[in-house]
Amino acid sequence: MQNNLALIIEDDPQLSSIYQEAVKAGGYEEVERIMDGAAAVERLKQVIPALVVLDLGLPNIGGPEILSGIRAQARLRDTRIILTSADARRAGELNDLVDIVLIKPIQFFTLRDMAARLRPAN
């Protein structure tokens, strides 16, 4: 696992930027933003992130498919996942597959604190 790598998989540029800063403030040194589901799948083939902040509604490949792909790979078993969505019902259906569900709108300090809680010990 790349001990301090976090991936922000969110297609809204403003939210993606805010999430990136929140996760950095939560102690992750390397934070990458990915704004497309297909690009996220490709990147996940190359890296083993410590944390993924995953939006459900993404272009090309949706969050649920990405989540299933992450959970199906043994090499990603220790990757922690924060699921973000405006759809509480849909996010709740995936609650057992993720570490934390956050319903939009998400406060900066909330994401910062949740990311810090999931950060691996160095």
PDB file of N, CA and C in Angstrom:
ATOM      1  N   MET A   1       0.852  -1.177   0.000  1.00  0.00           N
ATOM      2  CA  MET A   1       0.000   0.000   0.000  1.00  0.00           C
ATOM      3  C   MET A   1       0.892   1.233   0.000  1.00  0.00           C
ATOM      4  N   GLN A   2       0.540   2.171  -0.835  1.00  0.00           N
ATOM      5  CA  GLN A   2       1.237   3.445  -0.773  1.00  0.00           C
ATOM      6  C   GLN A   2       0.658   4.158   0.425  1.00  0.00           C
ATOM      7  N   ASN A   3       1.415   4.128   1.509  1.00  0.00           N
ATOM      8  CA  ASN A   3       0.930   4.412   2.846  1.00  0.00           C
ATOM      9  C   ASN A   3       0.173   5.716   3.001  1.00  0.00           C
ATOM     10  N   ASN A   4       0.495   6.713   2.211  1.00  0.00           N
ATOM     11  CA  ASN A   4      -0.149   7.997   2.425  1.00  0.00           C
ATOM     12  C   ASN A   4      -0.808   8.535   1.162  1.00  0.00           C
ATOM     13  N   LEU A   5      -1.184   7.651   0.253  1.00  0.00           N
ATOM     14  CA  LEU A   5      -1.850   8.063  -0.980  1.00  0.00           C
ATOM     15  C   LEU A   5      -3.358   7.998  -0.801  1.00  0.00           C
ATOM     16  N   ALA A   6      -4.014   9.088  -1.172  1.00  0.00           N
ATOM     17  CA  ALA A   6      -5.477   9.113  -1.188  1.00  0.00           C
ATOM     18  C   ALA A   6      -5.930   9.492  -2.585  1.00  0.00           C
ATOM     19  N   LEU A   7      -6.989   8.848  -3.049  1.00  0.00           N
ATOM     20  CA  LEU A   7      -7.601   9.188  -4.328  1.00  0.00           C
ATOM     21  C   LEU A   7      -8.951   9.829  -4.061  1.00  0.00           C
ATOM     22  N   ILE A   8      -9.179  10.983  -4.667  1.00  0.00           N
ATOM     23  CA  ILE A   8     -10.469  11.653  -4.619  1.00  0.00           C
ATOM     24  C   ILE A   8     -11.127  11.379  -5.960  1.00  0.00           C
ATOM     25  N   ILE A   9     -12.185  10.590  -5.968  1.00  0.00           N
ATOM     26  CA  ILE A   9     -12.882  10.236  -7.203  1.00  0.00           C
ATOM     27  C   ILE A   9     -14.226  10.949  -7.171  1.00  0.00           C
ATOM     28  N   GLU A  10     -14.249  12.134  -7.758  1.00  0.00           N
ATOM     29  CA  GLU A  10     -15.399  13.051  -7.711  1.00  0.00           C
ATOM     30  C   GLU A  10     -15.408  13.872  -8.993  1.00  0.00           C
ATOM     31  N   ASP A  11     -16.546  13.918  -9.689  1.00  0.00           N
ATOM     32  CA  ASP A  11     -16.587  14.601 -10.980  1.00  0.00           C
ATOM     33  C   ASP A  11     -16.884  16.096 -10.897  1.00  0.00           C
ATOM     34  N   ASP A  12     -17.311  16.601  -9.760  1.00  0.00           N
ATOM     35  CA  ASP A  12     -17.554  18.033  -9.610  1.00  0.00           C
ATOM     36  C   ASP A  12     -16.222  18.708  -9.274  1.00  0.00           C
ATOM     37  N   PRO A  13     -15.724  19.599 -10.148  1.00  0.00           N
ATOM     38  CA  PRO A  13     -14.396  20.188  -9.931  1.00  0.00           C
ATOM     39  C   PRO A  13     -14.260  20.929  -8.603  1.00  0.00           C
ATOM     40  N   GLN A  14     -15.284  21.659  -8.205  1.00  0.00           N
ATOM     41  CA  GLN A  14     -15.210  22.417  -6.962  1.00  0.00           C
ATOM     42  C   GLN A  14     -15.172  21.479  -5.754  1.00  0.00           C
ATOM     43  N   LEU A  15     -16.063  20.485  -5.734  1.00  0.00           N
ATOM     44  CA  LEU A  15     -16.064  19.524  -4.630  1.00  0.00           C
ATOM     45  C   LEU A  15     -14.762  18.737  -4.585  1.00  0.00           C
ATOM     46  N   SER A  16     -14.281  18.340  -5.754  1.00  0.00           N
ATOM     47  CA  SER A  16     -13.039  17.581  -5.833  1.00  0.00           C
ATOM     48  C   SER A  16     -11.885  18.366  -5.201  1.00  0.00           C
ATOM     49  N   SER A  17     -11.830  19.637  -5.481  1.00  0.00           N
ATOM     50  CA  SER A  17     -10.779  20.493  -4.928  1.00  0.00           C
ATOM     51  C   SER A  17     -10.916  20.631  -3.410  1.00  0.00           C
ATOM     52  N   ILE A  18     -12.135  20.848  -2.942  1.00  0.00           N
ATOM     53  CA  ILE A  18     -12.380  20.956  -1.495  1.00  0.00           C
ATOM     54  C   ILE A  18     -12.037  19.644  -0.803  1.00  0.00           C
ATOM     55  N   TYR A  19     -12.459  18.532  -1.384  1.00  0.00           N
ATOM     56  CA  TYR A  19     -12.171  17.219  -0.796  1.00  0.00           C
ATOM     57  C   TYR A  19     -10.662  16.978  -0.736  1.00  0.00           C
ATOM     58  N   GLN A  20      -9.957  17.379  -1.789  1.00  0.00           N
ATOM     59  CA  GLN A  20      -8.501  17.213  -1.813  1.00  0.00           C
ATOM     60  C   GLN A  20      -7.854  17.953  -0.645  1.00  0.00           C
ATOM     61  N   GLU A  21      -8.260  19.184  -0.431  1.00  0.00           N
ATOM     62  CA  GLU A  21      -7.694  19.976   0.663  1.00  0.00           C
ATOM     63  C   GLU A  21      -8.073  19.395   2.024  1.00  0.00           C
ATOM     64  N   ALA A  22      -9.297  18.912   2.155  1.00  0.00           N
ATOM     65  CA  ALA A  22      -9.732  18.322   3.420  1.00  0.00           C
ATOM     66  C   ALA A  22      -8.926  17.071   3.753  1.00  0.00           C
ATOM     67  N   VAL A  23      -8.710  16.227   2.751  1.00  0.00           N
ATOM     68  CA  VAL A  23      -7.960  14.985   2.966  1.00  0.00           C
ATOM     69  C   VAL A  23      -6.494  15.295   3.280  1.00  0.00           C
ATOM     70  N   LYS A  24      -5.929  16.288   2.600  1.00  0.00           N
ATOM     71  CA  LYS A  24      -4.559  16.712   2.938  1.00  0.00           C
ATOM     72  C   LYS A  24      -4.494  17.191   4.380  1.00  0.00           C
ATOM     73  N   ALA A  25      -5.486  17.977   4.790  1.00  0.00           N
ATOM     74  CA  ALA A  25      -5.530  18.469   6.169  1.00  0.00           C
ATOM     75  C   ALA A  25      -5.715  17.314   7.155  1.00  0.00           C
ATOM     76  N   GLY A  26      -6.260  16.197   6.682  1.00  0.00           N
ATOM     77  CA  GLY A  26      -6.430  15.005   7.503  1.00  0.00           C
ATOM     78  C   GLY A  26      -5.175  14.165   7.616  1.00  0.00           C
ATOM     79  N   GLY A  27      -4.082  14.600   6.960  1.00  0.00           N
ATOM     80  CA  GLY A  27      -2.800  13.938   7.143  1.00  0.00           C
ATOM     81  C   GLY A  27      -2.277  13.121   5.978  1.00  0.00           C
ATOM     82  N   TYR A  28      -2.963  13.150   4.845  1.00  0.00           N
ATOM     83  CA  TYR A  28      -2.480  12.414   3.677  1.00  0.00           C
ATOM     84  C   TYR A  28      -1.535  13.302   2.879  1.00  0.00           C
ATOM     85  N   GLU A  29      -0.340  12.798   2.637  1.00  0.00           N
ATOM     86  CA  GLU A  29       0.681  13.595   1.957  1.00  0.00           C
ATOM     87  C   GLU A  29       0.448  13.672   0.458  1.00  0.00           C
ATOM     88  N   GLU A  30       0.007  12.592  -0.133  1.00  0.00           N
ATOM     89  CA  GLU A  30      -0.195  12.535  -1.578  1.00  0.00           C
ATOM     90  C   GLU A  30      -1.685  12.323  -1.860  1.00  0.00           C
ATOM     91  N   VAL A  31      -2.297  13.297  -2.527  1.00  0.00           N
ATOM     92  CA  VAL A  31      -3.720  13.228  -2.832  1.00  0.00           C
ATOM     93  C   VAL A  31      -3.915  13.501  -4.314  1.00  0.00           C
ATOM     94  N   GLU A  32      -4.527  12.553  -5.012  1.00  0.00           N
ATOM     95  CA  GLU A  32      -4.792  12.692  -6.440  1.00  0.00           C
ATOM     96  C   GLU A  32      -6.285  12.850  -6.669  1.00  0.00           C
ATOM     97  N   ARG A  33      -6.643  13.735  -7.584  1.00  0.00           N
ATOM     98  CA  ARG A  33      -8.037  13.934  -7.973  1.00  0.00           C
ATOM     99  C   ARG A  33      -8.288  13.236  -9.304  1.00  0.00           C
ATOM    100  N   ILE A  34      -9.385  12.482  -9.350  1.00  0.00           N
ATOM    101  CA  ILE A  34      -9.803  11.794 -10.571  1.00  0.00           C
ATOM    102  C   ILE A  34     -11.272  12.138 -10.779  1.00  0.00           C
ATOM    103  N   MET A  35     -11.622  12.596 -11.988  1.00  0.00           N
ATOM    104  CA  MET A  35     -12.965  13.128 -12.203  1.00  0.00           C
ATOM    105  C   MET A  35     -13.814  12.278 -13.137  1.00  0.00           C
ATOM    106  N   ASP A  36     -13.357  11.066 -13.434  1.00  0.00           N
ATOM    107  CA  ASP A  36     -14.052  10.196 -14.369  1.00  0.00           C
ATOM    108  C   ASP A  36     -13.925   8.755 -13.877  1.00  0.00           C
ATOM    109  N   GLY A  37     -15.028   8.018 -13.918  1.00  0.00           N
ATOM    110  CA  GLY A  37     -15.017   6.651 -13.428  1.00  0.00           C
ATOM    111  C   GLY A  37     -14.061   5.735 -14.165  1.00  0.00           C
ATOM    112  N   ALA A  38     -13.995   5.862 -15.482  1.00  0.00           N
ATOM    113  CA  ALA A  38     -13.091   5.006 -16.262  1.00  0.00           C
ATOM    114  C   ALA A  38     -11.636   5.308 -15.916  1.00  0.00           C
ATOM    115  N   ALA A  39     -11.311   6.585 -15.749  1.00  0.00           N
ATOM    116  CA  ALA A  39      -9.947   6.970 -15.365  1.00  0.00           C
ATOM    117  C   ALA A  39      -9.619   6.431 -13.973  1.00  0.00           C
ATOM    118  N   ALA A  40     -10.604   6.417 -13.084  1.00  0.00           N
ATOM    119  CA  ALA A  40     -10.388   5.887 -11.736  1.00  0.00           C
ATOM    120  C   ALA A  40     -10.067   4.401 -11.779  1.00  0.00           C
ATOM    121  N   VAL A  41     -10.802   3.659 -12.588  1.00  0.00           N
ATOM    122  CA  VAL A  41     -10.548   2.219 -12.716  1.00  0.00           C
ATOM    123  C   VAL A  41      -9.127   1.975 -13.217  1.00  0.00           C
ATOM    124  N   GLU A  42      -8.700   2.760 -14.199  1.00  0.00           N
ATOM    125  CA  GLU A  42      -7.339   2.612 -14.735  1.00  0.00           C
ATOM    126  C   GLU A  42      -6.293   2.943 -13.675  1.00  0.00           C
ATOM    127  N   ARG A  43      -6.507   4.007 -12.930  1.00  0.00           N
ATOM    128  CA  ARG A  43      -5.539   4.405 -11.905  1.00  0.00           C
ATOM    129  C   ARG A  43      -5.464   3.361 -10.792  1.00  0.00           C
ATOM    130  N   LEU A  44      -6.589   2.778 -10.446  1.00  0.00           N
ATOM    131  CA  LEU A  44      -6.608   1.753  -9.399  1.00  0.00           C
ATOM    132  C   LEU A  44      -5.876   0.475  -9.811  1.00  0.00           C
ATOM    133  N   LYS A  45      -5.625   0.305 -11.095  1.00  0.00           N
ATOM    134  CA  LYS A  45      -4.811  -0.824 -11.558  1.00  0.00           C
ATOM    135  C   LYS A  45      -3.325  -0.572 -11.296  1.00  0.00           C
ATOM    136  N   GLN A  46      -2.963   0.722 -11.116  1.00  0.00           N
ATOM    137  CA  GLN A  46      -1.559   1.111 -10.990  1.00  0.00           C
ATOM    138  C   GLN A  46      -1.117   1.363  -9.554  1.00  0.00           C
ATOM    139  N   VAL A  47      -2.042   1.697  -8.678  1.00  0.00           N
ATOM    140  CA  VAL A  47      -1.682   2.088  -7.316  1.00  0.00           C
ATOM    141  C   VAL A  47      -2.517   1.329  -6.293  1.00  0.00           C
ATOM    142  N   ILE A  48      -2.044   1.368  -5.067  1.00  0.00           N
ATOM    143  CA  ILE A  48      -2.795   0.820  -3.938  1.00  0.00           C
ATOM    144  C   ILE A  48      -2.952   1.961  -2.938  1.00  0.00           C
ATOM    145  N   PRO A  49      -4.035   2.700  -3.039  1.00  0.00           N
ATOM    146  CA  PRO A  49      -4.206   3.836  -2.144  1.00  0.00           C
ATOM    147  C   PRO A  49      -4.581   3.408  -0.730  1.00  0.00           C
ATOM    148  N   ALA A  50      -4.191   4.233   0.225  1.00  0.00           N
ATOM    149  CA  ALA A  50      -4.612   4.005   1.606  1.00  0.00           C
ATOM    150  C   ALA A  50      -6.076   4.387   1.767  1.00  0.00           C
ATOM    151  N   LEU A  51      -6.508   5.419   1.014  1.00  0.00           N
ATOM    152  CA  LEU A  51      -7.860   5.943   1.131  1.00  0.00           C
ATOM    153  C   LEU A  51      -8.414   6.284  -0.242  1.00  0.00           C
ATOM    154  N   VAL A  52      -9.697   5.992  -0.431  1.00  0.00           N
ATOM    155  CA  VAL A  52     -10.438   6.440  -1.610  1.00  0.00           C
ATOM    156  C   VAL A  52     -11.673   7.185  -1.110  1.00  0.00           C
ATOM    157  N   VAL A  53     -11.833   8.418  -1.582  1.00  0.00           N
ATOM    158  CA  VAL A  53     -13.066   9.165  -1.364  1.00  0.00           C
ATOM    159  C   VAL A  53     -13.834   9.031  -2.672  1.00  0.00           C
ATOM    160  N   LEU A  54     -14.947   8.317  -2.637  1.00  0.00           N
ATOM    161  CA  LEU A  54     -15.644   7.879  -3.842  1.00  0.00           C
ATOM    162  C   LEU A  54     -17.052   8.445  -3.927  1.00  0.00           C
ATOM    163  N   ASP A  55     -17.314   9.195  -4.985  1.00  0.00           N
ATOM    164  CA  ASP A  55     -18.659   9.682  -5.273  1.00  0.00           C
ATOM    165  C   ASP A  55     -19.435   8.572  -5.988  1.00  0.00           C
ATOM    166  N   LEU A  56     -20.715   8.497  -5.749  1.00  0.00           N
ATOM    167  CA  LEU A  56     -21.526   7.470  -6.423  1.00  0.00           C
ATOM    168  C   LEU A  56     -21.808   7.809  -7.879  1.00  0.00           C
ATOM    169  N   GLY A  57     -22.114   9.066  -8.156  1.00  0.00           N
ATOM    170  CA  GLY A  57     -22.501   9.457  -9.514  1.00  0.00           C
ATOM    171  C   GLY A  57     -21.330   9.980 -10.308  1.00  0.00           C
ATOM    172  N   LEU A  58     -20.745   9.136 -11.133  1.00  0.00           N
ATOM    173  CA  LEU A  58     -19.577   9.506 -11.939  1.00  0.00           C
ATOM    174  C   LEU A  58     -19.835   9.233 -13.408  1.00  0.00           C
ATOM    175  N   PRO A  59     -19.185   9.989 -14.297  1.00  0.00           N
ATOM    176  CA  PRO A  59     -19.317   9.686 -15.720  1.00  0.00           C
ATOM    177  C   PRO A  59     -18.570   8.406 -16.100  1.00  0.00           C
ATOM    178  N   ASN A  60     -19.078   7.716 -17.093  1.00  0.00           N
ATOM    179  CA  ASN A  60     -18.500   6.527 -17.731  1.00  0.00           C
ATOM    180  C   ASN A  60     -18.608   5.252 -16.896  1.00  0.00           C
ATOM    181  N   ILE A  61     -18.083   5.233 -15.709  1.00  0.00           N
ATOM    182  CA  ILE A  61     -18.239   4.084 -14.812  1.00  0.00           C
ATOM    183  C   ILE A  61     -18.674   4.643 -13.469  1.00  0.00           C
ATOM    184  N   GLY A  62     -19.774   4.165 -12.942  1.00  0.00           N
ATOM    185  CA  GLY A  62     -20.334   4.708 -11.707  1.00  0.00           C
ATOM    186  C   GLY A  62     -19.614   4.246 -10.461  1.00  0.00           C
ATOM    187  N   GLY A  63     -19.842   4.969  -9.388  1.00  0.00           N
ATOM    188  CA  GLY A  63     -19.245   4.649  -8.097  1.00  0.00           C
ATOM    189  C   GLY A  63     -19.516   3.236  -7.614  1.00  0.00           C
ATOM    190  N   PRO A  64     -20.759   2.731  -7.743  1.00  0.00           N
ATOM    191  CA  PRO A  64     -21.000   1.361  -7.278  1.00  0.00           C
ATOM    192  C   PRO A  64     -20.130   0.320  -7.995  1.00  0.00           C
ATOM    193  N   GLU A  65     -19.916   0.499  -9.287  1.00  0.00           N
ATOM    194  CA  GLU A  65     -19.069  -0.438 -10.038  1.00  0.00           C
ATOM    195  C   GLU A  65     -17.611  -0.330  -9.598  1.00  0.00           C
ATOM    196  N   ILE A  66     -17.163   0.894  -9.355  1.00  0.00           N
ATOM    197  CA  ILE A  66     -15.789   1.087  -8.876  1.00  0.00           C
ATOM    198  C   ILE A  66     -15.635   0.446  -7.502  1.00  0.00           C
ATOM    199  N   LEU A  67     -16.601   0.656  -6.647  1.00  0.00           N
ATOM    200  CA  LEU A  67     -16.578   0.065  -5.309  1.00  0.00           C
ATOM    201  C   LEU A  67     -16.512  -1.455  -5.385  1.00  0.00           C
ATOM    202  N   SER A  68     -17.339  -2.051  -6.224  1.00  0.00           N
ATOM    203  CA  SER A  68     -17.311  -3.517  -6.394  1.00  0.00           C
ATOM    204  C   SER A  68     -15.948  -3.986  -6.864  1.00  0.00           C
ATOM    205  N   GLY A  69     -15.359  -3.234  -7.798  1.00  0.00           N
ATOM    206  CA  GLY A  69     -14.036  -3.582  -8.310  1.00  0.00           C
ATOM    207  C   GLY A  69     -12.962  -3.518  -7.241  1.00  0.00           C
ATOM    208  N   ILE A  70     -13.029  -2.491  -6.402  1.00  0.00           N
ATOM    209  CA  ILE A  70     -12.055  -2.366  -5.312  1.00  0.00           C
ATOM    210  C   ILE A  70     -12.202  -3.539  -4.352  1.00  0.00           C
ATOM    211  N   ARG A  71     -13.418  -3.832  -3.952  1.00  0.00           N
ATOM    212  CA  ARG A  71     -13.649  -4.887  -2.967  1.00  0.00           C
ATOM    213  C   ARG A  71     -13.358  -6.286  -3.523  1.00  0.00           C
ATOM    214  N   ALA A  72     -13.344  -6.432  -4.835  1.00  0.00           N
ATOM    215  CA  ALA A  72     -13.075  -7.732  -5.450  1.00  0.00           C
ATOM    216  C   ALA A  72     -11.575  -8.028  -5.570  1.00  0.00           C
ATOM    217  N   GLN A  73     -10.730  -7.028  -5.340  1.00  0.00           N
ATOM    218  CA  GLN A  73      -9.290  -7.204  -5.527  1.00  0.00           C
ATOM    219  C   GLN A  73      -8.587  -7.382  -4.186  1.00  0.00           C
ATOM    220  N   ALA A  74      -7.941  -8.501  -4.017  1.00  0.00           N
ATOM    221  CA  ALA A  74      -7.234  -8.782  -2.764  1.00  0.00           C
ATOM    222  C   ALA A  74      -6.173  -7.728  -2.475  1.00  0.00           C
ATOM    223  N   ARG A  75      -5.510  -7.229  -3.499  1.00  0.00           N
ATOM    224  CA  ARG A  75      -4.439  -6.257  -3.274  1.00  0.00           C
ATOM    225  C   ARG A  75      -4.962  -4.929  -2.729  1.00  0.00           C
ATOM    226  N   LEU A  76      -6.273  -4.674  -2.864  1.00  0.00           N
ATOM    227  CA  LEU A  76      -6.877  -3.434  -2.365  1.00  0.00           C
ATOM    228  C   LEU A  76      -7.680  -3.660  -1.082  1.00  0.00           C
ATOM    229  N   ARG A  77      -7.531  -4.819  -0.472  1.00  0.00           N
ATOM    230  CA  ARG A  77      -8.365  -5.157   0.694  1.00  0.00           C
ATOM    231  C   ARG A  77      -8.186  -4.211   1.865  1.00  0.00           C
ATOM    232  N   ASP A  78      -7.012  -3.591   1.995  1.00  0.00           N
ATOM    233  CA  ASP A  78      -6.778  -2.681   3.113  1.00  0.00           C
ATOM    234  C   ASP A  78      -7.101  -1.225   2.781  1.00  0.00           C
ATOM    235  N   THR A  79      -7.496  -0.960   1.547  1.00  0.00           N
ATOM    236  CA  THR A  79      -7.861   0.401   1.163  1.00  0.00           C
ATOM    237  C   THR A  79      -9.139   0.798   1.884  1.00  0.00           C
ATOM    238  N   ARG A  80      -9.102   1.934   2.558  1.00  0.00           N
ATOM    239  CA  ARG A  80     -10.272   2.443   3.267  1.00  0.00           C
ATOM    240  C   ARG A  80     -11.083   3.299   2.290  1.00  0.00           C
ATOM    241  N   ILE A  81     -12.403   3.276   2.417  1.00  0.00           N
ATOM    242  CA  ILE A  81     -13.268   3.985   1.477  1.00  0.00           C
ATOM    243  C   ILE A  81     -14.259   4.859   2.218  1.00  0.00           C
ATOM    244  N   ILE A  82     -14.293   6.129   1.803  1.00  0.00           N
ATOM    245  CA  ILE A  82     -15.328   7.058   2.239  1.00  0.00           C
ATOM    246  C   ILE A  82     -16.231   7.273   1.032  1.00  0.00           C
ATOM    247  N   LEU A  83     -17.477   6.879   1.155  1.00  0.00           N
ATOM    248  CA  LEU A  83     -18.451   7.029   0.076  1.00  0.00           C
ATOM    249  C   LEU A  83     -19.186   8.352   0.252  1.00  0.00           C
ATOM    250  N   THR A  84     -19.289   9.128  -0.827  1.00  0.00           N
ATOM    251  CA  THR A  84     -20.013  10.401  -0.781  1.00  0.00           C
ATOM    252  C   THR A  84     -21.165  10.361  -1.772  1.00  0.00           C
ATOM    253  N   SER A  85     -22.301  10.910  -1.358  1.00  0.00           N
ATOM    254  CA  SER A  85     -23.466  10.915  -2.241  1.00  0.00           C
ATOM    255  C   SER A  85     -24.497  11.901  -1.720  1.00  0.00           C
ATOM    256  N   ALA A  86     -25.289  12.424  -2.632  1.00  0.00           N
ATOM    257  CA  ALA A  86     -26.451  13.231  -2.246  1.00  0.00           C
ATOM    258  C   ALA A  86     -27.664  12.335  -2.025  1.00  0.00           C
ATOM    259  N   ASP A  87     -27.562  11.073  -2.431  1.00  0.00           N
ATOM    260  CA  ASP A  87     -28.657  10.121  -2.343  1.00  0.00           C
ATOM    261  C   ASP A  87     -28.456   9.207  -1.125  1.00  0.00           C
ATOM    262  N   ALA A  88     -29.067   9.575  -0.012  1.00  0.00           N
ATOM    263  CA  ALA A  88     -28.870   8.836   1.236  1.00  0.00           C
ATOM    264  C   ALA A  88     -29.328   7.384   1.126  1.00  0.00           C
ATOM    265  N   ARG A  89     -30.425   7.141   0.444  1.00  0.00           N
ATOM    266  CA  ARG A  89     -30.936   5.779   0.313  1.00  0.00           C
ATOM    267  C   ARG A  89     -29.953   4.902  -0.449  1.00  0.00           C
ATOM    268  N   ARG A  90     -29.500   5.400  -1.585  1.00  0.00           N
ATOM    269  CA  ARG A  90     -28.579   4.626  -2.417  1.00  0.00           C
ATOM    270  C   ARG A  90     -27.254   4.384  -1.691  1.00  0.00           C
ATOM    271  N   ALA A  91     -26.758   5.417  -1.020  1.00  0.00           N
ATOM    272  CA  ALA A  91     -25.507   5.267  -0.272  1.00  0.00           C
ATOM    273  C   ALA A  91     -25.679   4.266   0.864  1.00  0.00           C
ATOM    274  N   GLY A  92     -26.836   4.299   1.512  1.00  0.00           N
ATOM    275  CA  GLY A  92     -27.101   3.374   2.605  1.00  0.00           C
ATOM    276  C   GLY A  92     -27.082   1.922   2.166  1.00  0.00           C
ATOM    277  N   GLU A  93     -27.485   1.674   0.932  1.00  0.00           N
ATOM    278  CA  GLU A  93     -27.470   0.308   0.394  1.00  0.00           C
ATOM    279  C   GLU A  93     -26.051  -0.240   0.274  1.00  0.00           C
ATOM    280  N   LEU A  94     -25.061   0.650   0.202  1.00  0.00           N
ATOM    281  CA  LEU A  94     -23.665   0.237   0.041  1.00  0.00           C
ATOM    282  C   LEU A  94     -22.869   0.361   1.334  1.00  0.00           C
ATOM    283  N   ASN A  95     -23.541   0.716   2.403  1.00  0.00           N
ATOM    284  CA  ASN A  95     -22.891   0.993   3.680  1.00  0.00           C
ATOM    285  C   ASN A  95     -21.979  -0.138   4.149  1.00  0.00           C
ATOM    286  N   ASP A  96     -22.361  -1.379   3.935  1.00  0.00           N
ATOM    287  CA  ASP A  96     -21.567  -2.518   4.411  1.00  0.00           C
ATOM    288  C   ASP A  96     -20.255  -2.706   3.641  1.00  0.00           C
ATOM    289  N   LEU A  97     -20.124  -2.050   2.490  1.00  0.00           N
ATOM    290  CA  LEU A  97     -18.929  -2.213   1.659  1.00  0.00           C
ATOM    291  C   LEU A  97     -17.904  -1.109   1.866  1.00  0.00           C
ATOM    292  N   VAL A  98     -18.252  -0.108   2.656  1.00  0.00           N
ATOM    293  CA  VAL A  98     -17.366   1.046   2.837  1.00  0.00           C
ATOM    294  C   VAL A  98     -17.088   1.268   4.321  1.00  0.00           C
ATOM    295  N   ASP A  99     -16.119   2.128   4.590  1.00  0.00           N
ATOM    296  CA  ASP A  99     -15.785   2.446   5.975  1.00  0.00           C
ATOM    297  C   ASP A  99     -16.689   3.539   6.532  1.00  0.00           C
ATOM    298  N   ILE A 100     -16.969   4.546   5.705  1.00  0.00           N
ATOM    299  CA  ILE A 100     -17.784   5.679   6.127  1.00  0.00           C
ATOM    300  C   ILE A 100     -18.631   6.135   4.951  1.00  0.00           C
ATOM    301  N   VAL A 101     -19.884   6.497   5.234  1.00  0.00           N
ATOM    302  CA  VAL A 101     -20.760   7.135   4.238  1.00  0.00           C
ATOM    303  C   VAL A 101     -20.977   8.574   4.683  1.00  0.00           C
ATOM    304  N   LEU A 102     -20.737   9.512   3.772  1.00  0.00           N
ATOM    305  CA  LEU A 102     -21.012  10.917   4.035  1.00  0.00           C
ATOM    306  C   LEU A 102     -22.030  11.401   3.009  1.00  0.00           C
ATOM    307  N   ILE A 103     -23.083  12.033   3.499  1.00  0.00           N
ATOM    308  CA  ILE A 103     -24.150  12.538   2.630  1.00  0.00           C
ATOM    309  C   ILE A 103     -23.889  14.013   2.338  1.00  0.00           C
ATOM    310  N   LYS A 104     -23.929  14.346   1.059  1.00  0.00           N
ATOM    311  CA  LYS A 104     -23.707  15.735   0.630  1.00  0.00           C
ATOM    312  C   LYS A 104     -24.879  16.607   1.055  1.00  0.00           C
ATOM    313  N   PRO A 105     -24.638  17.854   1.399  1.00  0.00           N
ATOM    314  CA  PRO A 105     -23.347  18.551   1.396  1.00  0.00           C
ATOM    315  C   PRO A 105     -22.482  18.117   2.579  1.00  0.00           C
ATOM    316  N   ILE A 106     -21.189  18.050   2.326  1.00  0.00           N
ATOM    317  CA  ILE A 106     -20.228  17.576   3.324  1.00  0.00           C
ATOM    318  C   ILE A 106     -19.374  18.757   3.777  1.00  0.00           C
ATOM    319  N   GLN A 107     -19.299  18.942   5.058  1.00  0.00           N
ATOM    320  CA  GLN A 107     -18.473  20.010   5.608  1.00  0.00           C
ATOM    321  C   GLN A 107     -16.993  19.633   5.510  1.00  0.00           C
ATOM    322  N   PHE A 108     -16.158  20.627   5.245  1.00  0.00           N
ATOM    323  CA  PHE A 108     -14.715  20.430   5.137  1.00  0.00           C
ATOM    324  C   PHE A 108     -14.175  19.693   6.363  1.00  0.00           C
ATOM    325  N   PHE A 109     -14.515  20.189   7.556  1.00  0.00           N
ATOM    326  CA  PHE A 109     -13.966  19.609   8.787  1.00  0.00           C
ATOM    327  C   PHE A 109     -14.454  18.175   8.993  1.00  0.00           C
ATOM    328  N   THR A 110     -15.643  17.848   8.513  1.00  0.00           N
ATOM    329  CA  THR A 110     -16.153  16.480   8.659  1.00  0.00           C
ATOM    330  C   THR A 110     -15.309  15.510   7.837  1.00  0.00           C
ATOM    331  N   LEU A 111     -15.068  15.862   6.572  1.00  0.00           N
ATOM    332  CA  LEU A 111     -14.247  14.996   5.729  1.00  0.00           C
ATOM    333  C   LEU A 111     -12.812  14.946   6.257  1.00  0.00           C
ATOM    334  N   ARG A 112     -12.280  16.072   6.679  1.00  0.00           N
ATOM    335  CA  ARG A 112     -10.921  16.103   7.243  1.00  0.00           C
ATOM    336  C   ARG A 112     -10.814  15.133   8.421  1.00  0.00           C
ATOM    337  N   ASP A 113     -11.771  15.200   9.333  1.00  0.00           N
ATOM    338  CA  ASP A 113     -11.732  14.368  10.533  1.00  0.00           C
ATOM    339  C   ASP A 113     -11.921  12.889  10.215  1.00  0.00           C
ATOM    340  N   MET A 114     -12.820  12.584   9.282  1.00  0.00           N
ATOM    341  CA  MET A 114     -13.050  11.178   8.911  1.00  0.00           C
ATOM    342  C   MET A 114     -11.822  10.606   8.194  1.00  0.00           C
ATOM    343  N   ALA A 115     -11.210  11.400   7.327  1.00  0.00           N
ATOM    344  CA  ALA A 115      -9.987  10.954   6.636  1.00  0.00           C
ATOM    345  C   ALA A 115      -8.874  10.702   7.655  1.00  0.00           C
ATOM    346  N   ALA A 116      -8.724  11.611   8.611  1.00  0.00           N
ATOM    347  CA  ALA A 116      -7.687  11.436   9.647  1.00  0.00           C
ATOM    348  C   ALA A 116      -7.944  10.163  10.457  1.00  0.00           C
ATOM    349  N   ARG A 117      -9.203   9.891  10.751  1.00  0.00           N
ATOM    350  CA  ARG A 117      -9.545   8.693  11.528  1.00  0.00           C
ATOM    351  C   ARG A 117      -9.145   7.411  10.791  1.00  0.00           C
ATOM    352  N   LEU A 118      -9.221   7.432   9.464  1.00  0.00           N
ATOM    353  CA  LEU A 118      -8.921   6.243   8.662  1.00  0.00           C
ATOM    354  C   LEU A 118      -7.460   6.153   8.235  1.00  0.00           C
ATOM    355  N   ARG A 119      -6.675   7.176   8.525  1.00  0.00           N
ATOM    356  CA  ARG A 119      -5.277   7.209   8.069  1.00  0.00           C
ATOM    357  C   ARG A 119      -4.479   6.106   8.733  1.00  0.00           C
ATOM    358  N   PRO A 120      -3.710   5.354   7.942  1.00  0.00           N
ATOM    359  CA  PRO A 120      -2.896   4.277   8.514  1.00  0.00           C
ATOM    360  C   PRO A 120      -1.800   4.836   9.407  1.00  0.00           C
ATOM    361  N   ALA A 121      -1.446   4.078  10.417  1.00  0.00           N
ATOM    362  CA  ALA A 121      -0.333   4.461  11.283  1.00  0.00           C
ATOM    363  C   ALA A 121       0.974   4.345  10.493  1.00  0.00           C
ATOM    364  N   ASN A 122       1.821   5.306  10.665  1.00  0.00           N
ATOM    365  CA  ASN A 122       3.094   5.276   9.921  1.00  0.00           C
ATOM    366  C   ASN A 122       4.125   4.388  10.555  1.00  0.00           C
TER     367      ASN A 122
END
